[in-house]
Every structure is written in C-alpha cells, then in structure tokens.
Amino acid sequence: MCIFCKIIKGEIPAQIVFEDEYVVAFNDIVPQAPTHILVIPKEHFNNATEVVDSGLWSWFMDAALQIVKKLELDKQGYRFVINTGEQGGQTVPHLHLHILAGRNLGWPPG
C-alpha cells in the first residue's frame, strides 16, 4: 500500500485541508513553496495515464479549484503540477496534483 493510500485510510497523519467522497488534499510535508498542497483521488491510480473516467478528472480539478478559492490563492497566482513517471518527477506512485503558491514560480520548471 502506498503512503498516500495510508493517509487516506488515516494510518498516517496529515494536515488535511479538503476532503470529499472522491478526493483528499493535505499540506506537503516537504513544501516547495509557502503553500504546497497535494490533491489526491481516494481511489488508487499509479499516475495520470491510468485515469480514463472524465468525470473523475472533472471532480479532481473542481476540488483543486475549490481549494484555490477557499485559500484565496487566485489573488496572487498559483500553479497546478501533475508529475507522471520517473522522468516527469513523480516520486509517489499515486496520482497527485500539486498546488503551489505564495512565491514567484520560475519558468521553465525543473
């Protein structure tokens, strides 16, 4: 079982900032920006490629946008990042979206 599945099951503590029936979001324990939140589906998918249900993508993105609005991250700007695969920078084999905000984010990333 991956670390994110353990967080979902409550086996590992996390600072939850949002939760509904399909998604949970929590503060990253190694933040790369002043605000660094991970949004994960409760159903395990190794990466973005495995999600074929457009309804789940819609729910997932809607949850991320709800968090942005709740925390007023849209006032100064934010970035969504989904890393997929080793060369894409994915370190946990469970689909997750990073919400980064609170500082100037350079381009190109990485």
N, C-alpha and C. Protein backbone atom coordinates (compact mmCIF):
# COMPACT_ATOMS: atom_id res chain seq x y z
N MET A 1 0.86 -1.18 0.00
CA MET A 1 0.00 0.00 0.00
C MET A 1 0.90 1.24 0.00
N CYS A 2 0.61 2.21 -0.85
CA CYS A 2 1.44 3.41 -0.95
C CYS A 2 1.16 4.37 0.22
N ILE A 3 2.07 5.31 0.40
CA ILE A 3 1.95 6.26 1.50
C ILE A 3 0.67 7.09 1.41
N PHE A 4 0.24 7.44 0.21
CA PHE A 4 -0.98 8.24 0.07
C PHE A 4 -2.22 7.42 0.43
N CYS A 5 -2.22 6.14 0.09
CA CYS A 5 -3.34 5.28 0.49
C CYS A 5 -3.41 5.16 2.01
N LYS A 6 -2.25 5.14 2.65
CA LYS A 6 -2.21 5.10 4.12
C LYS A 6 -2.75 6.40 4.72
N ILE A 7 -2.47 7.52 4.09
CA ILE A 7 -3.03 8.81 4.55
C ILE A 7 -4.54 8.79 4.40
N ILE A 8 -5.03 8.31 3.27
CA ILE A 8 -6.48 8.22 3.03
C ILE A 8 -7.15 7.37 4.11
N LYS A 9 -6.52 6.26 4.48
CA LYS A 9 -7.10 5.36 5.48
C LYS A 9 -6.89 5.85 6.92
N GLY A 10 -6.16 6.96 7.09
CA GLY A 10 -5.92 7.50 8.42
C GLY A 10 -4.80 6.81 9.17
N GLU A 11 -4.02 5.99 8.48
CA GLU A 11 -2.92 5.27 9.12
C GLU A 11 -1.69 6.17 9.31
N ILE A 12 -1.59 7.20 8.50
CA ILE A 12 -0.51 8.18 8.61
C ILE A 12 -1.17 9.54 8.75
N PRO A 13 -0.76 10.34 9.74
CA PRO A 13 -1.38 11.66 9.91
C PRO A 13 -0.99 12.62 8.80
N ALA A 14 -1.89 13.54 8.52
CA ALA A 14 -1.64 14.59 7.53
C ALA A 14 -2.48 15.80 7.91
N GLN A 15 -2.02 16.97 7.50
CA GLN A 15 -2.78 18.21 7.70
C GLN A 15 -3.77 18.35 6.55
N ILE A 16 -4.96 17.81 6.74
CA ILE A 16 -6.00 17.80 5.71
C ILE A 16 -6.56 19.21 5.54
N VAL A 17 -6.61 19.67 4.30
CA VAL A 17 -7.20 20.99 4.02
C VAL A 17 -8.52 20.88 3.26
N PHE A 18 -8.80 19.68 2.71
CA PHE A 18 -10.03 19.47 1.95
C PHE A 18 -10.28 17.98 1.86
N GLU A 19 -11.56 17.61 1.94
CA GLU A 19 -11.91 16.20 1.73
C GLU A 19 -13.35 16.12 1.31
N ASP A 20 -13.61 15.25 0.34
CA ASP A 20 -14.98 14.91 -0.03
C ASP A 20 -15.01 13.42 -0.34
N GLU A 21 -16.04 12.94 -1.00
CA GLU A 21 -16.16 11.49 -1.20
C GLU A 21 -15.12 10.89 -2.16
N TYR A 22 -14.51 11.71 -3.03
CA TYR A 22 -13.58 11.19 -4.03
C TYR A 22 -12.14 11.66 -3.87
N VAL A 23 -11.93 12.74 -3.13
CA VAL A 23 -10.64 13.43 -3.10
C VAL A 23 -10.27 13.80 -1.67
N VAL A 24 -8.97 13.79 -1.40
CA VAL A 24 -8.46 14.35 -0.15
C VAL A 24 -7.26 15.24 -0.51
N ALA A 25 -7.11 16.35 0.20
CA ALA A 25 -5.99 17.26 -0.03
C ALA A 25 -5.34 17.60 1.30
N PHE A 26 -4.02 17.69 1.28
CA PHE A 26 -3.28 17.94 2.51
C PHE A 26 -2.00 18.70 2.19
N ASN A 27 -1.44 19.32 3.23
CA ASN A 27 -0.19 20.05 3.08
C ASN A 27 0.96 19.08 2.85
N ASP A 28 1.83 19.40 1.89
CA ASP A 28 3.01 18.59 1.61
C ASP A 28 3.97 18.69 2.79
N ILE A 29 4.57 17.57 3.19
CA ILE A 29 5.49 17.60 4.33
C ILE A 29 6.87 18.13 3.95
N VAL A 30 7.15 18.25 2.65
CA VAL A 30 8.40 18.84 2.16
C VAL A 30 8.01 19.93 1.15
N PRO A 31 7.48 21.04 1.64
CA PRO A 31 6.94 22.06 0.74
C PRO A 31 8.00 22.72 -0.14
N GLN A 32 7.62 22.94 -1.39
CA GLN A 32 8.50 23.60 -2.36
C GLN A 32 8.09 25.06 -2.58
N ALA A 33 7.09 25.50 -1.85
CA ALA A 33 6.60 26.88 -1.88
C ALA A 33 5.90 27.13 -0.55
N PRO A 34 5.67 28.39 -0.19
CA PRO A 34 4.97 28.67 1.07
C PRO A 34 3.63 27.93 1.19
N THR A 35 2.91 27.83 0.09
CA THR A 35 1.72 26.98 0.04
C THR A 35 2.03 25.83 -0.90
N HIS A 36 1.95 24.61 -0.39
CA HIS A 36 2.19 23.42 -1.21
C HIS A 36 1.24 22.34 -0.73
N ILE A 37 0.17 22.16 -1.50
CA ILE A 37 -0.89 21.22 -1.15
C ILE A 37 -0.92 20.11 -2.18
N LEU A 38 -1.11 18.89 -1.70
CA LEU A 38 -1.28 17.74 -2.60
C LEU A 38 -2.75 17.36 -2.63
N VAL A 39 -3.28 17.20 -3.82
CA VAL A 39 -4.66 16.76 -4.02
C VAL A 39 -4.59 15.36 -4.61
N ILE A 40 -5.24 14.39 -3.95
CA ILE A 40 -5.16 13.02 -4.42
C ILE A 40 -6.56 12.40 -4.48
N PRO A 41 -6.79 11.56 -5.50
CA PRO A 41 -8.05 10.83 -5.51
C PRO A 41 -8.01 9.73 -4.45
N LYS A 42 -9.14 9.43 -3.85
CA LYS A 42 -9.20 8.36 -2.85
C LYS A 42 -9.02 6.99 -3.50
N GLU A 43 -9.41 6.87 -4.74
CA GLU A 43 -9.16 5.63 -5.47
C GLU A 43 -7.72 5.65 -5.96
N HIS A 44 -7.01 4.54 -5.81
CA HIS A 44 -5.61 4.49 -6.20
C HIS A 44 -5.45 4.38 -7.72
N PHE A 45 -4.70 5.31 -8.26
CA PHE A 45 -4.23 5.27 -9.64
C PHE A 45 -2.73 5.52 -9.55
N ASN A 46 -1.92 4.71 -10.22
CA ASN A 46 -0.47 4.92 -10.16
C ASN A 46 -0.05 6.27 -10.72
N ASN A 47 -0.75 6.73 -11.77
CA ASN A 47 -0.39 8.01 -12.38
C ASN A 47 -1.56 8.51 -13.22
N ALA A 48 -1.37 9.66 -13.83
CA ALA A 48 -2.44 10.31 -14.60
C ALA A 48 -2.91 9.48 -15.78
N THR A 49 -2.01 8.69 -16.35
CA THR A 49 -2.35 7.88 -17.53
C THR A 49 -3.42 6.85 -17.23
N GLU A 50 -3.52 6.40 -16.00
CA GLU A 50 -4.48 5.35 -15.64
C GLU A 50 -5.92 5.84 -15.49
N VAL A 51 -6.13 7.15 -15.41
CA VAL A 51 -7.48 7.68 -15.22
C VAL A 51 -8.14 7.84 -16.58
N VAL A 52 -9.19 7.07 -16.81
CA VAL A 52 -9.90 7.15 -18.09
C VAL A 52 -11.28 7.77 -17.94
N ASP A 53 -11.74 7.94 -16.72
CA ASP A 53 -13.06 8.50 -16.46
C ASP A 53 -12.99 10.02 -16.43
N SER A 54 -13.55 10.67 -17.43
CA SER A 54 -13.51 12.13 -17.48
C SER A 54 -14.27 12.76 -16.31
N GLY A 55 -15.24 12.05 -15.78
CA GLY A 55 -15.97 12.54 -14.61
C GLY A 55 -15.06 12.67 -13.40
N LEU A 56 -14.15 11.70 -13.23
CA LEU A 56 -13.20 11.78 -12.12
C LEU A 56 -12.25 12.95 -12.32
N TRP A 57 -11.77 13.15 -13.55
CA TRP A 57 -10.91 14.31 -13.81
C TRP A 57 -11.64 15.60 -13.48
N SER A 58 -12.89 15.68 -13.84
CA SER A 58 -13.68 16.88 -13.56
C SER A 58 -13.79 17.11 -12.06
N TRP A 59 -14.10 16.06 -11.31
CA TRP A 59 -14.23 16.16 -9.85
C TRP A 59 -12.89 16.56 -9.22
N PHE A 60 -11.83 15.94 -9.70
CA PHE A 60 -10.48 16.18 -9.21
C PHE A 60 -10.08 17.65 -9.39
N MET A 61 -10.28 18.17 -10.59
CA MET A 61 -9.93 19.57 -10.88
C MET A 61 -10.84 20.53 -10.15
N ASP A 62 -12.11 20.18 -10.03
CA ASP A 62 -13.04 21.03 -9.28
C ASP A 62 -12.60 21.14 -7.82
N ALA A 63 -12.16 20.05 -7.25
CA ALA A 63 -11.68 20.07 -5.86
C ALA A 63 -10.47 20.99 -5.74
N ALA A 64 -9.54 20.89 -6.68
CA ALA A 64 -8.35 21.75 -6.66
C ALA A 64 -8.75 23.23 -6.75
N LEU A 65 -9.70 23.53 -7.61
CA LEU A 65 -10.16 24.92 -7.74
C LEU A 65 -10.91 25.40 -6.50
N GLN A 66 -11.64 24.52 -5.85
CA GLN A 66 -12.30 24.89 -4.59
C GLN A 66 -11.26 25.28 -3.53
N ILE A 67 -10.17 24.54 -3.48
CA ILE A 67 -9.10 24.84 -2.53
C ILE A 67 -8.47 26.19 -2.84
N VAL A 68 -8.19 26.43 -4.12
CA VAL A 68 -7.62 27.70 -4.56
C VAL A 68 -8.50 28.86 -4.12
N LYS A 69 -9.79 28.73 -4.34
CA LYS A 69 -10.72 29.81 -3.98
C LYS A 69 -10.83 29.95 -2.46
N LYS A 70 -10.93 28.83 -1.75
CA LYS A 70 -11.05 28.86 -0.29
C LYS A 70 -9.85 29.56 0.36
N LEU A 71 -8.66 29.28 -0.16
CA LEU A 71 -7.43 29.86 0.40
C LEU A 71 -7.05 31.18 -0.28
N GLU A 72 -7.89 31.62 -1.23
CA GLU A 72 -7.67 32.88 -1.97
C GLU A 72 -6.31 32.91 -2.68
N LEU A 73 -5.89 31.77 -3.18
CA LEU A 73 -4.62 31.69 -3.90
C LEU A 73 -4.70 32.37 -5.26
N ASP A 74 -5.91 32.53 -5.77
CA ASP A 74 -6.10 33.16 -7.06
C ASP A 74 -5.78 34.66 -7.02
N LYS A 75 -5.66 35.24 -5.84
CA LYS A 75 -5.37 36.68 -5.72
C LYS A 75 -3.97 37.01 -6.24
N GLN A 76 -2.99 36.16 -5.96
CA GLN A 76 -1.60 36.41 -6.36
C GLN A 76 -1.10 35.45 -7.44
N GLY A 77 -1.76 34.32 -7.57
CA GLY A 77 -1.35 33.33 -8.56
C GLY A 77 -0.95 32.02 -7.92
N TYR A 78 -1.01 30.98 -8.70
CA TYR A 78 -0.72 29.63 -8.23
C TYR A 78 -0.35 28.78 -9.42
N ARG A 79 0.13 27.57 -9.15
CA ARG A 79 0.46 26.63 -10.21
C ARG A 79 -0.07 25.26 -9.83
N PHE A 80 -0.65 24.56 -10.81
CA PHE A 80 -1.01 23.16 -10.68
C PHE A 80 0.08 22.35 -11.39
N VAL A 81 0.53 21.27 -10.75
CA VAL A 81 1.53 20.39 -11.35
C VAL A 81 1.10 18.95 -11.12
N ILE A 82 1.13 18.15 -12.19
CA ILE A 82 0.95 16.71 -12.08
C ILE A 82 2.16 16.06 -12.72
N ASN A 83 3.00 15.46 -11.90
CA ASN A 83 4.18 14.75 -12.41
C ASN A 83 3.78 13.31 -12.71
N THR A 84 4.26 12.80 -13.84
CA THR A 84 3.94 11.43 -14.22
C THR A 84 5.20 10.72 -14.67
N GLY A 85 5.50 9.62 -14.01
CA GLY A 85 6.66 8.81 -14.35
C GLY A 85 7.95 9.37 -13.79
N GLU A 86 8.98 8.53 -13.83
CA GLU A 86 10.28 8.90 -13.25
C GLU A 86 10.86 10.17 -13.88
N GLN A 87 10.89 10.25 -15.20
CA GLN A 87 11.45 11.43 -15.84
C GLN A 87 10.55 12.65 -15.69
N GLY A 88 9.29 12.43 -15.38
CA GLY A 88 8.38 13.54 -15.13
C GLY A 88 8.45 14.05 -13.70
N GLY A 89 9.26 13.39 -12.85
CA GLY A 89 9.46 13.84 -11.48
C GLY A 89 8.52 13.22 -10.46
N GLN A 90 7.75 12.20 -10.86
CA GLN A 90 6.83 11.56 -9.92
C GLN A 90 7.61 10.70 -8.94
N THR A 91 7.42 10.94 -7.63
CA THR A 91 8.15 10.18 -6.62
C THR A 91 7.25 9.26 -5.81
N VAL A 92 5.95 9.49 -5.82
CA VAL A 92 5.00 8.60 -5.14
C VAL A 92 4.07 8.01 -6.20
N PRO A 93 3.97 6.68 -6.27
CA PRO A 93 3.15 6.05 -7.31
C PRO A 93 1.65 6.07 -6.98
N HIS A 94 1.12 7.28 -6.86
CA HIS A 94 -0.31 7.52 -6.66
C HIS A 94 -0.57 8.88 -7.28
N LEU A 95 -1.51 8.94 -8.20
CA LEU A 95 -1.82 10.21 -8.86
C LEU A 95 -1.98 11.31 -7.83
N HIS A 96 -1.33 12.43 -8.05
CA HIS A 96 -1.49 13.59 -7.17
C HIS A 96 -1.20 14.88 -7.93
N LEU A 97 -1.92 15.90 -7.54
CA LEU A 97 -1.76 17.22 -8.12
C LEU A 97 -1.18 18.12 -7.05
N HIS A 98 -0.12 18.84 -7.41
CA HIS A 98 0.49 19.80 -6.50
C HIS A 98 -0.16 21.16 -6.75
N ILE A 99 -0.55 21.85 -5.69
CA ILE A 99 -0.93 23.26 -5.77
C ILE A 99 0.19 24.03 -5.10
N LEU A 100 0.86 24.87 -5.89
CA LEU A 100 1.98 25.66 -5.39
C LEU A 100 1.62 27.14 -5.46
N ALA A 101 1.93 27.87 -4.39
CA ALA A 101 1.62 29.31 -4.37
C ALA A 101 2.43 29.97 -3.27
N GLY A 102 2.38 31.30 -3.26
CA GLY A 102 2.99 32.06 -2.18
C GLY A 102 4.36 32.61 -2.49
N ARG A 103 4.85 32.39 -3.71
CA ARG A 103 6.12 32.96 -4.15
C ARG A 103 6.12 33.01 -5.67
N ASN A 104 7.06 33.73 -6.24
CA ASN A 104 7.21 33.73 -7.68
C ASN A 104 7.72 32.36 -8.12
N LEU A 105 7.03 31.75 -9.06
CA LEU A 105 7.39 30.43 -9.55
C LEU A 105 8.03 30.59 -10.92
N GLY A 106 9.28 30.18 -11.03
CA GLY A 106 10.02 30.36 -12.27
C GLY A 106 9.54 29.48 -13.40
N TRP A 107 9.97 29.84 -14.60
CA TRP A 107 9.68 29.05 -15.79
C TRP A 107 10.91 29.02 -16.66
N PRO A 108 11.32 27.93 -17.21
CA PRO A 108 10.66 26.63 -17.11
C PRO A 108 10.92 25.98 -15.76
N PRO A 109 9.99 25.11 -15.33
CA PRO A 109 10.17 24.41 -14.07
C PRO A 109 11.26 23.35 -14.20
N GLY A 110 11.77 22.92 -13.06
CA GLY A 110 12.73 21.81 -13.03
C GLY A 110 14.03 22.16 -13.64
